[in-house]
Amino acid sequence: MKPFRILLAVAALAVSFGIAAANRRIPDDARRARVAPADISHLAVYGTAVRLAPGARILDRNNRFVTPSSVPANSVARLRLGSDSAISDVWLLTDEEIAQSDPLPAWPQP
């Protein structure tokens, strides 16, 4: 009986993570851009290094926190700027999120 309870708990946890990732809310003021890792304190946005704010959050396609160096090259993301014009939040987009329209125009390309 105990292995069944463990299996049930693992299955419930897996389902809850899937629901959390599917229902994540990306703010309307986050703009779409192509990003890649640049260094520990910057992301390359369309090839130009842009500073990350202290405590910047980067969420991958599964809604997990990742480091700037683990961002896949040429990823489609939505970015939010802080008051100092540094990137404060990054959401790496899933295929479904890429297909949706954005409330704001995309990040300006150089």
PDB file of N, CA and C in Angstrom:
ATOM      1  N   MET A   1       0.813  -1.195   0.000  1.00  0.00           N
ATOM      2  CA  MET A   1       0.000   0.000   0.000  1.00  0.00           C
ATOM      3  C   MET A   1       0.860   1.265   0.000  1.00  0.00           C
ATOM      4  N   LYS A   2       2.016   1.199   0.691  1.00  0.00           N
ATOM      5  CA  LYS A   2       2.875   2.374   0.772  1.00  0.00           C
ATOM      6  C   LYS A   2       3.425   2.796  -0.605  1.00  0.00           C
ATOM      7  N   PRO A   3       3.870   1.846  -1.469  1.00  0.00           N
ATOM      8  CA  PRO A   3       4.336   2.271  -2.797  1.00  0.00           C
ATOM      9  C   PRO A   3       3.239   2.964  -3.609  1.00  0.00           C
ATOM     10  N   PHE A   4       1.995   2.526  -3.429  1.00  0.00           N
ATOM     11  CA  PHE A   4       0.889   3.159  -4.138  1.00  0.00           C
ATOM     12  C   PHE A   4       0.722   4.610  -3.690  1.00  0.00           C
ATOM     13  N   ARG A   5       0.836   4.876  -2.412  1.00  0.00           N
ATOM     14  CA  ARG A   5       0.719   6.248  -1.895  1.00  0.00           C
ATOM     15  C   ARG A   5       1.835   7.140  -2.431  1.00  0.00           C
ATOM     16  N   ILE A   6       3.036   6.595  -2.487  1.00  0.00           N
ATOM     17  CA  ILE A   6       4.164   7.365  -3.019  1.00  0.00           C
ATOM     18  C   ILE A   6       3.925   7.671  -4.491  1.00  0.00           C
ATOM     19  N   LEU A   7       3.497   6.670  -5.249  1.00  0.00           N
ATOM     20  CA  LEU A   7       3.211   6.873  -6.667  1.00  0.00           C
ATOM     21  C   LEU A   7       2.101   7.900  -6.865  1.00  0.00           C
ATOM     22  N   LEU A   8       1.079   7.844  -6.046  1.00  0.00           N
ATOM     23  CA  LEU A   8      -0.023   8.791  -6.127  1.00  0.00           C
ATOM     24  C   LEU A   8       0.452  10.216  -5.811  1.00  0.00           C
ATOM     25  N   ALA A   9       1.300  10.359  -4.799  1.00  0.00           N
ATOM     26  CA  ALA A   9       1.828  11.674  -4.440  1.00  0.00           C
ATOM     27  C   ALA A   9       2.697  12.246  -5.556  1.00  0.00           C
ATOM     28  N   VAL A  10       3.531  11.409  -6.165  1.00  0.00           N
ATOM     29  CA  VAL A  10       4.380  11.868  -7.270  1.00  0.00           C
ATOM     30  C   VAL A  10       3.519  12.273  -8.460  1.00  0.00           C
ATOM     31  N   ALA A  11       2.493  11.505  -8.771  1.00  0.00           N
ATOM     32  CA  ALA A  11       1.608  11.838  -9.891  1.00  0.00           C
ATOM     33  C   ALA A  11       0.879  13.154  -9.639  1.00  0.00           C
ATOM     34  N   ALA A  12       0.398  13.364  -8.425  1.00  0.00           N
ATOM     35  CA  ALA A  12      -0.304  14.613  -8.096  1.00  0.00           C
ATOM     36  C   ALA A  12       0.642  15.808  -8.193  1.00  0.00           C
ATOM     37  N   LEU A  13       1.867  15.625  -7.750  1.00  0.00           N
ATOM     38  CA  LEU A  13       2.855  16.695  -7.836  1.00  0.00           C
ATOM     39  C   LEU A  13       3.169  17.024  -9.291  1.00  0.00           C
ATOM     40  N   ALA A  14       3.331  16.011 -10.124  1.00  0.00           N
ATOM     41  CA  ALA A  14       3.619  16.239 -11.543  1.00  0.00           C
ATOM     42  C   ALA A  14       2.475  16.977 -12.223  1.00  0.00           C
ATOM     43  N   VAL A  15       1.254  16.608 -11.915  1.00  0.00           N
ATOM     44  CA  VAL A  15       0.091  17.279 -12.496  1.00  0.00           C
ATOM     45  C   VAL A  15       0.033  18.732 -12.049  1.00  0.00           C
ATOM     46  N   SER A  16       0.308  18.987 -10.769  1.00  0.00           N
ATOM     47  CA  SER A  16       0.245  20.367 -10.276  1.00  0.00           C
ATOM     48  C   SER A  16       1.310  21.237 -10.938  1.00  0.00           C
ATOM     49  N   PHE A  17       2.503  20.698 -11.192  1.00  0.00           N
ATOM     50  CA  PHE A  17       3.531  21.478 -11.888  1.00  0.00           C
ATOM     51  C   PHE A  17       3.095  21.781 -13.319  1.00  0.00           C
ATOM     52  N   GLY A  18       2.473  20.813 -13.976  1.00  0.00           N
ATOM     53  CA  GLY A  18       1.989  21.037 -15.335  1.00  0.00           C
ATOM     54  C   GLY A  18       0.915  22.102 -15.390  1.00  0.00           C
ATOM     55  N   ILE A  19       0.014  22.114 -14.420  1.00  0.00           N
ATOM     56  CA  ILE A  19      -1.042  23.125 -14.363  1.00  0.00           C
ATOM     57  C   ILE A  19      -0.445  24.495 -14.096  1.00  0.00           C
ATOM     58  N   ALA A  20       0.522  24.578 -13.203  1.00  0.00           N
ATOM     59  CA  ALA A  20       1.149  25.866 -12.891  1.00  0.00           C
ATOM     60  C   ALA A  20       1.846  26.431 -14.115  1.00  0.00           C
ATOM     61  N   ALA A  21       2.531  25.592 -14.885  1.00  0.00           N
ATOM     62  CA  ALA A  21       3.224  26.076 -16.071  1.00  0.00           C
ATOM     63  C   ALA A  21       2.235  26.494 -17.152  1.00  0.00           C
ATOM     64  N   ALA A  22       1.113  25.766 -17.261  1.00  0.00           N
ATOM     65  CA  ALA A  22       0.133  26.076 -18.299  1.00  0.00           C
ATOM     66  C   ALA A  22      -0.644  27.348 -17.985  1.00  0.00           C
ATOM     67  N   ASN A  23      -0.776  27.693 -16.719  1.00  0.00           N
ATOM     68  CA  ASN A  23      -1.587  28.838 -16.326  1.00  0.00           C
ATOM     69  C   ASN A  23      -0.763  30.028 -15.863  1.00  0.00           C
ATOM     70  N   ARG A  24       0.462  30.120 -16.275  1.00  0.00           N
ATOM     71  CA  ARG A  24       1.258  31.249 -15.799  1.00  0.00           C
ATOM     72  C   ARG A  24       0.761  32.546 -16.425  1.00  0.00           C
ATOM     73  N   ARG A  25       0.885  33.593 -15.679  1.00  0.00           N
ATOM     74  CA  ARG A  25       0.408  34.904 -16.123  1.00  0.00           C
ATOM     75  C   ARG A  25       1.609  35.779 -16.427  1.00  0.00           C
ATOM     76  N   ILE A  26       1.708  36.227 -17.653  1.00  0.00           N
ATOM     77  CA  ILE A  26       2.774  37.137 -18.064  1.00  0.00           C
ATOM     78  C   ILE A  26       2.152  38.523 -18.161  1.00  0.00           C
ATOM     79  N   PRO A  27       2.698  39.509 -17.455  1.00  0.00           N
ATOM     80  CA  PRO A  27       2.105  40.849 -17.456  1.00  0.00           C
ATOM     81  C   PRO A  27       2.030  41.462 -18.855  1.00  0.00           C
ATOM     82  N   ASP A  28       1.031  42.314 -19.049  1.00  0.00           N
ATOM     83  CA  ASP A  28       0.821  42.940 -20.355  1.00  0.00           C
ATOM     84  C   ASP A  28       1.949  43.873 -20.754  1.00  0.00           C
ATOM     85  N   ASP A  29       2.714  44.400 -19.784  1.00  0.00           N
ATOM     86  CA  ASP A  29       3.787  45.331 -20.138  1.00  0.00           C
ATOM     87  C   ASP A  29       5.103  44.629 -20.470  1.00  0.00           C
ATOM     88  N   ALA A  30       5.109  43.302 -20.542  1.00  0.00           N
ATOM     89  CA  ALA A  30       6.301  42.549 -20.941  1.00  0.00           C
ATOM     90  C   ALA A  30       6.334  42.467 -22.462  1.00  0.00           C
ATOM     91  N   ARG A  31       7.464  42.867 -23.041  1.00  0.00           N
ATOM     92  CA  ARG A  31       7.582  42.903 -24.505  1.00  0.00           C
ATOM     93  C   ARG A  31       8.326  41.688 -25.034  1.00  0.00           C
ATOM     94  N   ARG A  32       7.916  41.243 -26.208  1.00  0.00           N
ATOM     95  CA  ARG A  32       8.528  40.073 -26.843  1.00  0.00           C
ATOM     96  C   ARG A  32       9.869  40.442 -27.473  1.00  0.00           C
ATOM     97  N   ALA A  33      10.822  39.509 -27.367  1.00  0.00           N
ATOM     98  CA  ALA A  33      12.139  39.708 -27.972  1.00  0.00           C
ATOM     99  C   ALA A  33      12.833  38.359 -28.130  1.00  0.00           C
ATOM    100  N   ARG A  34      13.903  38.347 -28.906  1.00  0.00           N
ATOM    101  CA  ARG A  34      14.764  37.168 -29.013  1.00  0.00           C
ATOM    102  C   ARG A  34      15.954  37.404 -28.099  1.00  0.00           C
ATOM    103  N   VAL A  35      16.236  36.431 -27.234  1.00  0.00           N
ATOM    104  CA  VAL A  35      17.306  36.586 -26.261  1.00  0.00           C
ATOM    105  C   VAL A  35      18.288  35.424 -26.334  1.00  0.00           C
ATOM    106  N   ALA A  36      19.461  35.672 -25.798  1.00  0.00           N
ATOM    107  CA  ALA A  36      20.518  34.666 -25.686  1.00  0.00           C
ATOM    108  C   ALA A  36      21.373  35.049 -24.489  1.00  0.00           C
ATOM    109  N   PRO A  37      22.119  34.103 -23.942  1.00  0.00           N
ATOM    110  CA  PRO A  37      22.997  34.467 -22.825  1.00  0.00           C
ATOM    111  C   PRO A  37      24.136  35.351 -23.311  1.00  0.00           C
ATOM    112  N   ALA A  38      24.506  36.346 -22.509  1.00  0.00           N
ATOM    113  CA  ALA A  38      25.645  37.199 -22.837  1.00  0.00           C
ATOM    114  C   ALA A  38      26.740  36.990 -21.791  1.00  0.00           C
ATOM    115  N   ASP A  39      26.464  37.320 -20.550  1.00  0.00           N
ATOM    116  CA  ASP A  39      27.344  37.027 -19.426  1.00  0.00           C
ATOM    117  C   ASP A  39      26.496  36.977 -18.173  1.00  0.00           C
ATOM    118  N   ILE A  40      27.119  36.924 -17.025  1.00  0.00           N
ATOM    119  CA  ILE A  40      26.369  36.705 -15.784  1.00  0.00           C
ATOM    120  C   ILE A  40      25.407  37.837 -15.444  1.00  0.00           C
ATOM    121  N   SER A  41      25.665  39.047 -15.933  1.00  0.00           N
ATOM    122  CA  SER A  41      24.794  40.173 -15.569  1.00  0.00           C
ATOM    123  C   SER A  41      24.094  40.799 -16.777  1.00  0.00           C
ATOM    124  N   HIS A  42      24.152  40.130 -17.938  1.00  0.00           N
ATOM    125  CA  HIS A  42      23.524  40.664 -19.151  1.00  0.00           C
ATOM    126  C   HIS A  42      22.864  39.548 -19.951  1.00  0.00           C
ATOM    127  N   LEU A  43      21.845  39.907 -20.703  1.00  0.00           N
ATOM    128  CA  LEU A  43      21.273  39.041 -21.731  1.00  0.00           C
ATOM    129  C   LEU A  43      21.459  39.735 -23.064  1.00  0.00           C
ATOM    130  N   ALA A  44      21.691  38.973 -24.101  1.00  0.00           N
ATOM    131  CA  ALA A  44      21.766  39.539 -25.446  1.00  0.00           C
ATOM    132  C   ALA A  44      20.350  39.593 -26.002  1.00  0.00           C
ATOM    133  N   VAL A  45      19.862  40.796 -26.265  1.00  0.00           N
ATOM    134  CA  VAL A  45      18.540  40.998 -26.841  1.00  0.00           C
ATOM    135  C   VAL A  45      18.766  41.432 -28.282  1.00  0.00           C
ATOM    136  N   TYR A  46      18.391  40.578 -29.214  1.00  0.00           N
ATOM    137  CA  TYR A  46      18.678  40.806 -30.636  1.00  0.00           C
ATOM    138  C   TYR A  46      20.157  41.110 -30.839  1.00  0.00           C
ATOM    139  N   GLY A  47      21.020  40.415 -30.094  1.00  0.00           N
ATOM    140  CA  GLY A  47      22.458  40.559 -30.266  1.00  0.00           C
ATOM    141  C   GLY A  47      23.108  41.686 -29.483  1.00  0.00           C
ATOM    142  N   THR A  48      22.334  42.532 -28.824  1.00  0.00           N
ATOM    143  CA  THR A  48      22.866  43.642 -28.037  1.00  0.00           C
ATOM    144  C   THR A  48      22.773  43.298 -26.554  1.00  0.00           C
ATOM    145  N   ALA A  49      23.871  43.452 -25.819  1.00  0.00           N
ATOM    146  CA  ALA A  49      23.876  43.137 -24.392  1.00  0.00           C
ATOM    147  C   ALA A  49      23.037  44.160 -23.625  1.00  0.00           C
ATOM    148  N   VAL A  50      22.093  43.675 -22.829  1.00  0.00           N
ATOM    149  CA  VAL A  50      21.244  44.519 -21.996  1.00  0.00           C
ATOM    150  C   VAL A  50      21.410  44.032 -20.554  1.00  0.00           C
ATOM    151  N   ARG A  51      21.616  44.977 -19.651  1.00  0.00           N
ATOM    152  CA  ARG A  51      21.896  44.644 -18.254  1.00  0.00           C
ATOM    153  C   ARG A  51      20.682  44.044 -17.569  1.00  0.00           C
ATOM    154  N   LEU A  52      20.945  43.053 -16.721  1.00  0.00           N
ATOM    155  CA  LEU A  52      19.909  42.482 -15.857  1.00  0.00           C
ATOM    156  C   LEU A  52      19.898  43.255 -14.550  1.00  0.00           C
ATOM    157  N   ALA A  53      18.723  43.566 -14.059  1.00  0.00           N
ATOM    158  CA  ALA A  53      18.590  44.246 -12.770  1.00  0.00           C
ATOM    159  C   ALA A  53      19.027  43.295 -11.654  1.00  0.00           C
ATOM    160  N   PRO A  54      19.504  43.838 -10.539  1.00  0.00           N
ATOM    161  CA  PRO A  54      19.812  42.957  -9.408  1.00  0.00           C
ATOM    162  C   PRO A  54      18.546  42.203  -8.992  1.00  0.00           C
ATOM    163  N   GLY A  55      18.659  40.897  -8.849  1.00  0.00           N
ATOM    164  CA  GLY A  55      17.507  40.080  -8.482  1.00  0.00           C
ATOM    165  C   GLY A  55      16.573  39.772  -9.634  1.00  0.00           C
ATOM    166  N   ALA A  56      17.033  39.964 -10.865  1.00  0.00           N
ATOM    167  CA  ALA A  56      16.195  39.676 -12.032  1.00  0.00           C
ATOM    168  C   ALA A  56      15.770  38.210 -12.019  1.00  0.00           C
ATOM    169  N   ARG A  57      14.529  37.978 -12.445  1.00  0.00           N
ATOM    170  CA  ARG A  57      13.986  36.622 -12.483  1.00  0.00           C
ATOM    171  C   ARG A  57      13.857  36.167 -13.921  1.00  0.00           C
ATOM    172  N   ILE A  58      14.380  34.986 -14.198  1.00  0.00           N
ATOM    173  CA  ILE A  58      14.258  34.380 -15.527  1.00  0.00           C
ATOM    174  C   ILE A  58      13.523  33.063 -15.344  1.00  0.00           C
ATOM    175  N   LEU A  59      12.363  32.945 -15.997  1.00  0.00           N
ATOM    176  CA  LEU A  59      11.563  31.728 -15.914  1.00  0.00           C
ATOM    177  C   LEU A  59      11.596  31.006 -17.256  1.00  0.00           C
ATOM    178  N   ASP A  60      11.890  29.710 -17.212  1.00  0.00           N
ATOM    179  CA  ASP A  60      11.948  28.946 -18.456  1.00  0.00           C
ATOM    180  C   ASP A  60      10.548  28.553 -18.921  1.00  0.00           C
ATOM    181  N   ARG A  61      10.487  27.734 -19.950  1.00  0.00           N
ATOM    182  CA  ARG A  61       9.205  27.336 -20.535  1.00  0.00           C
ATOM    183  C   ARG A  61       8.334  26.538 -19.568  1.00  0.00           C
ATOM    184  N   ASN A  62       8.959  25.931 -18.553  1.00  0.00           N
ATOM    185  CA  ASN A  62       8.232  25.154 -17.555  1.00  0.00           C
ATOM    186  C   ASN A  62       8.015  25.935 -16.268  1.00  0.00           C
ATOM    187  N   ASN A  63       8.235  27.237 -16.331  1.00  0.00           N
ATOM    188  CA  ASN A  63       8.024  28.146 -15.200  1.00  0.00           C
ATOM    189  C   ASN A  63       8.986  27.888 -14.045  1.00  0.00           C
ATOM    190  N   ARG A  64      10.196  27.438 -14.376  1.00  0.00           N
ATOM    191  CA  ARG A  64      11.236  27.238 -13.368  1.00  0.00           C
ATOM    192  C   ARG A  64      12.250  28.365 -13.481  1.00  0.00           C
ATOM    193  N   PHE A  65      12.823  28.759 -12.356  1.00  0.00           N
ATOM    194  CA  PHE A  65      13.857  29.789 -12.368  1.00  0.00           C
ATOM    195  C   PHE A  65      15.132  29.219 -12.968  1.00  0.00           C
ATOM    196  N   VAL A  66      15.773  29.994 -13.846  1.00  0.00           N
ATOM    197  CA  VAL A  66      17.037  29.588 -14.459  1.00  0.00           C
ATOM    198  C   VAL A  66      18.025  30.741 -14.364  1.00  0.00           C
ATOM    199  N   THR A  67      19.288  30.427 -14.549  1.00  0.00           N
ATOM    200  CA  THR A  67      20.338  31.445 -14.531  1.00  0.00           C
ATOM    201  C   THR A  67      20.510  32.027 -15.928  1.00  0.00           C
ATOM    202  N   PRO A  68      21.095  33.212 -16.055  1.00  0.00           N
ATOM    203  CA  PRO A  68      21.287  33.804 -17.383  1.00  0.00           C
ATOM    204  C   PRO A  68      22.083  32.913 -18.332  1.00  0.00           C
ATOM    205  N   SER A  69      23.046  32.182 -17.802  1.00  0.00           N
ATOM    206  CA  SER A  69      23.875  31.336 -18.672  1.00  0.00           C
ATOM    207  C   SER A  69      23.125  30.117 -19.204  1.00  0.00           C
ATOM    208  N   SER A  70      22.007  29.752 -18.587  1.00  0.00           N
ATOM    209  CA  SER A  70      21.259  28.581 -19.049  1.00  0.00           C
ATOM    210  C   SER A  70      20.116  28.934 -20.013  1.00  0.00           C
ATOM    211  N   VAL A  71      20.011  30.194 -20.392  1.00  0.00           N
ATOM    212  CA  VAL A  71      19.008  30.591 -21.387  1.00  0.00           C
ATOM    213  C   VAL A  71      19.462  30.079 -22.753  1.00  0.00           C
ATOM    214  N   PRO A  72      18.642  29.301 -23.449  1.00  0.00           N
ATOM    215  CA  PRO A  72      19.051  28.820 -24.767  1.00  0.00           C
ATOM    216  C   PRO A  72      19.216  29.979 -25.758  1.00  0.00           C
ATOM    217  N   ALA A  73      20.204  29.859 -26.619  1.00  0.00           N
ATOM    218  CA  ALA A  73      20.446  30.898 -27.625  1.00  0.00           C
ATOM    219  C   ALA A  73      19.238  31.034 -28.535  1.00  0.00           C
ATOM    220  N   ASN A  74      18.954  32.262 -28.934  1.00  0.00           N
ATOM    221  CA  ASN A  74      17.880  32.567 -29.879  1.00  0.00           C
ATOM    222  C   ASN A  74      16.499  32.170 -29.350  1.00  0.00           C
ATOM    223  N   SER A  75      16.288  32.309 -28.035  1.00  0.00           N
ATOM    224  CA  SER A  75      14.990  32.000 -27.432  1.00  0.00           C
ATOM    225  C   SER A  75      14.028  33.166 -27.611  1.00  0.00           C
ATOM    226  N   VAL A  76      12.759  32.844 -27.790  1.00  0.00           N
ATOM    227  CA  VAL A  76      11.730  33.879 -27.825  1.00  0.00           C
ATOM    228  C   VAL A  76      11.254  34.070 -26.388  1.00  0.00           C
ATOM    229  N   ALA A  77      11.237  35.313 -25.937  1.00  0.00           N
ATOM    230  CA  ALA A  77      10.895  35.609 -24.549  1.00  0.00           C
ATOM    231  C   ALA A  77      10.060  36.873 -24.489  1.00  0.00           C
ATOM    232  N   ARG A  78       9.478  37.092 -23.321  1.00  0.00           N
ATOM    233  CA  ARG A  78       8.863  38.389 -23.015  1.00  0.00           C
ATOM    234  C   ARG A  78       9.652  38.977 -21.874  1.00  0.00           C
ATOM    235  N   LEU A  79      10.008  40.254 -22.007  1.00  0.00           N
ATOM    236  CA  LEU A  79      10.882  40.940 -21.062  1.00  0.00           C
ATOM    237  C   LEU A  79      10.156  42.098 -20.422  1.00  0.00           C
ATOM    238  N   ARG A  80      10.505  42.336 -19.170  1.00  0.00           N
ATOM    239  CA  ARG A  80       9.955  43.480 -18.452  1.00  0.00           C
ATOM    240  C   ARG A  80      11.121  44.277 -17.884  1.00  0.00           C
ATOM    241  N   LEU A  81      11.057  45.585 -18.053  1.00  0.00           N
ATOM    242  CA  LEU A  81      12.115  46.455 -17.573  1.00  0.00           C
ATOM    243  C   LEU A  81      11.766  47.030 -16.210  1.00  0.00           C
ATOM    244  N   GLY A  82      12.799  47.234 -15.397  1.00  0.00           N
ATOM    245  CA  GLY A  82      12.623  47.894 -14.114  1.00  0.00           C
ATOM    246  C   GLY A  82      12.733  49.399 -14.283  1.00  0.00           C
ATOM    247  N   SER A  83      12.690  50.119 -13.185  1.00  0.00           N
ATOM    248  CA  SER A  83      12.730  51.588 -13.236  1.00  0.00           C
ATOM    249  C   SER A  83      14.073  52.119 -13.718  1.00  0.00           C
ATOM    250  N   ASP A  84      15.121  51.311 -13.629  1.00  0.00           N
ATOM    251  CA  ASP A  84      16.454  51.748 -14.068  1.00  0.00           C
ATOM    252  C   ASP A  84      16.774  51.271 -15.487  1.00  0.00           C
ATOM    253  N   SER A  85      15.774  50.870 -16.255  1.00  0.00           N
ATOM    254  CA  SER A  85      15.900  50.401 -17.636  1.00  0.00           C
ATOM    255  C   SER A  85      16.719  49.126 -17.767  1.00  0.00           C
ATOM    256  N   ALA A  86      16.852  48.390 -16.694  1.00  0.00           N
ATOM    257  CA  ALA A  86      17.482  47.074 -16.741  1.00  0.00           C
ATOM    258  C   ALA A  86      16.375  46.020 -16.775  1.00  0.00           C
ATOM    259  N   ILE A  87      16.679  44.860 -17.312  1.00  0.00           N
ATOM    260  CA  ILE A  87      15.695  43.782 -17.397  1.00  0.00           C
ATOM    261  C   ILE A  87      15.430  43.232 -15.997  1.00  0.00           C
ATOM    262  N   SER A  88      14.170  43.260 -15.579  1.00  0.00           N
ATOM    263  CA  SER A  88      13.837  42.766 -14.244  1.00  0.00           C
ATOM    264  C   SER A  88      13.191  41.386 -14.276  1.00  0.00           C
ATOM    265  N   ASP A  89      12.466  41.061 -15.349  1.00  0.00           N
ATOM    266  CA  ASP A  89      11.781  39.767 -15.450  1.00  0.00           C
ATOM    267  C   ASP A  89      11.863  39.249 -16.880  1.00  0.00           C
ATOM    268  N   VAL A  90      12.048  37.945 -17.010  1.00  0.00           N
ATOM    269  CA  VAL A  90      12.110  37.296 -18.323  1.00  0.00           C
ATOM    270  C   VAL A  90      11.267  36.033 -18.257  1.00  0.00           C
ATOM    271  N   TRP A  91      10.414  35.854 -19.246  1.00  0.00           N
ATOM    272  CA  TRP A  91       9.642  34.627 -19.393  1.00  0.00           C
ATOM    273  C   TRP A  91      10.013  34.023 -20.738  1.00  0.00           C
ATOM    274  N   LEU A  92      10.649  32.850 -20.747  1.00  0.00           N
ATOM    275  CA  LEU A  92      10.924  32.144 -21.996  1.00  0.00           C
ATOM    276  C   LEU A  92       9.619  31.507 -22.445  1.00  0.00           C
ATOM    277  N   LEU A  93       9.222  31.760 -23.678  1.00  0.00           N
ATOM    278  CA  LEU A  93       7.880  31.394 -24.132  1.00  0.00           C
ATOM    279  C   LEU A  93       7.800  29.971 -24.671  1.00  0.00           C
ATOM    280  N   THR A  94       6.649  29.351 -24.417  1.00  0.00           N
ATOM    281  CA  THR A  94       6.342  28.041 -24.993  1.00  0.00           C
ATOM    282  C   THR A  94       5.842  28.264 -26.421  1.00  0.00           C
ATOM    283  N   ASP A  95       5.699  27.187 -27.176  1.00  0.00           N
ATOM    284  CA  ASP A  95       5.188  27.306 -28.544  1.00  0.00           C
ATOM    285  C   ASP A  95       3.779  27.896 -28.562  1.00  0.00           C
ATOM    286  N   GLU A  96       2.959  27.534 -27.577  1.00  0.00           N
ATOM    287  CA  GLU A  96       1.598  28.063 -27.510  1.00  0.00           C
ATOM    288  C   GLU A  96       1.614  29.571 -27.221  1.00  0.00           C
ATOM    289  N   GLU A  97       2.508  29.999 -26.341  1.00  0.00           N
ATOM    290  CA  GLU A  97       2.601  31.424 -26.016  1.00  0.00           C
ATOM    291  C   GLU A  97       3.165  32.233 -27.186  1.00  0.00           C
ATOM    292  N   ILE A  98       4.049  31.628 -27.946  1.00  0.00           N
ATOM    293  CA  ILE A  98       4.602  32.308 -29.130  1.00  0.00           C
ATOM    294  C   ILE A  98       3.499  32.542 -30.148  1.00  0.00           C
ATOM    295  N   ALA A  99       2.577  31.591 -30.267  1.00  0.00           N
ATOM    296  CA  ALA A  99       1.491  31.703 -31.248  1.00  0.00           C
ATOM    297  C   ALA A  99       0.467  32.772 -30.873  1.00  0.00           C
ATOM    298  N   GLN A 100       0.389  33.151 -29.595  1.00  0.00           N
ATOM    299  CA  GLN A 100      -0.583  34.157 -29.167  1.00  0.00           C
ATOM    300  C   GLN A 100      -0.097  35.557 -29.517  1.00  0.00           C
ATOM    301  N   SER A 101      -1.050  36.473 -29.685  1.00  0.00           N
ATOM    302  CA  SER A 101      -0.677  37.865 -29.951  1.00  0.00           C
ATOM    303  C   SER A 101      -0.316  38.555 -28.639  1.00  0.00           C
ATOM    304  N   ASP A 102       0.501  39.593 -28.744  1.00  0.00           N
ATOM    305  CA  ASP A 102       0.956  40.335 -27.572  1.00  0.00           C
ATOM    306  C   ASP A 102       0.206  41.648 -27.438  1.00  0.00           C
ATOM    307  N   PRO A 103       0.004  42.121 -26.207  1.00  0.00           N
ATOM    308  CA  PRO A 103      -0.693  43.399 -25.996  1.00  0.00           C
ATOM    309  C   PRO A 103       0.149  44.607 -26.408  1.00  0.00           C
ATOM    310  N   LEU A 104       1.472  44.475 -26.383  1.00  0.00           N
ATOM    311  CA  LEU A 104       2.372  45.577 -26.751  1.00  0.00           C
ATOM    312  C   LEU A 104       3.184  45.191 -27.973  1.00  0.00           C
ATOM    313  N   PRO A 105       3.694  46.163 -28.710  1.00  0.00           N
ATOM    314  CA  PRO A 105       4.594  45.825 -29.808  1.00  0.00           C
ATOM    315  C   PRO A 105       5.855  45.148 -29.270  1.00  0.00           C
ATOM    316  N   ALA A 106       6.521  44.405 -30.116  1.00  0.00           N
ATOM    317  CA  ALA A 106       7.746  43.694 -29.719  1.00  0.00           C
ATOM    318  C   ALA A 106       8.843  44.688 -29.366  1.00  0.00           C
ATOM    319  N   TRP A 107       9.843  44.183 -28.664  1.00  0.00           N
ATOM    320  CA  TRP A 107      11.018  44.970 -28.320  1.00  0.00           C
ATOM    321  C   TRP A 107      11.629  45.504 -29.617  1.00  0.00           C
ATOM    322  N   PRO A 108      12.022  46.778 -29.680  1.00  0.00           N
ATOM    323  CA  PRO A 108      12.580  47.318 -30.920  1.00  0.00           C
ATOM    324  C   PRO A 108      13.874  46.614 -31.317  1.00  0.00           C
ATOM    325  N   GLN A 109      13.955  46.204 -32.557  1.00  0.00           N
ATOM    326  CA  GLN A 109      15.166  45.555 -33.058  1.00  0.00           C
ATOM    327  C   GLN A 109      16.150  46.622 -33.541  1.00  0.00           C
ATOM    328  N   PRO A 110      17.450  46.367 -33.336  1.00  0.00           N
ATOM    329  CA  PRO A 110      18.454  47.346 -33.804  1.00  0.00           C
ATOM    330  C   PRO A 110      18.551  47.391 -35.315  1.00  0.00           C
TER     331      PRO A 110
END
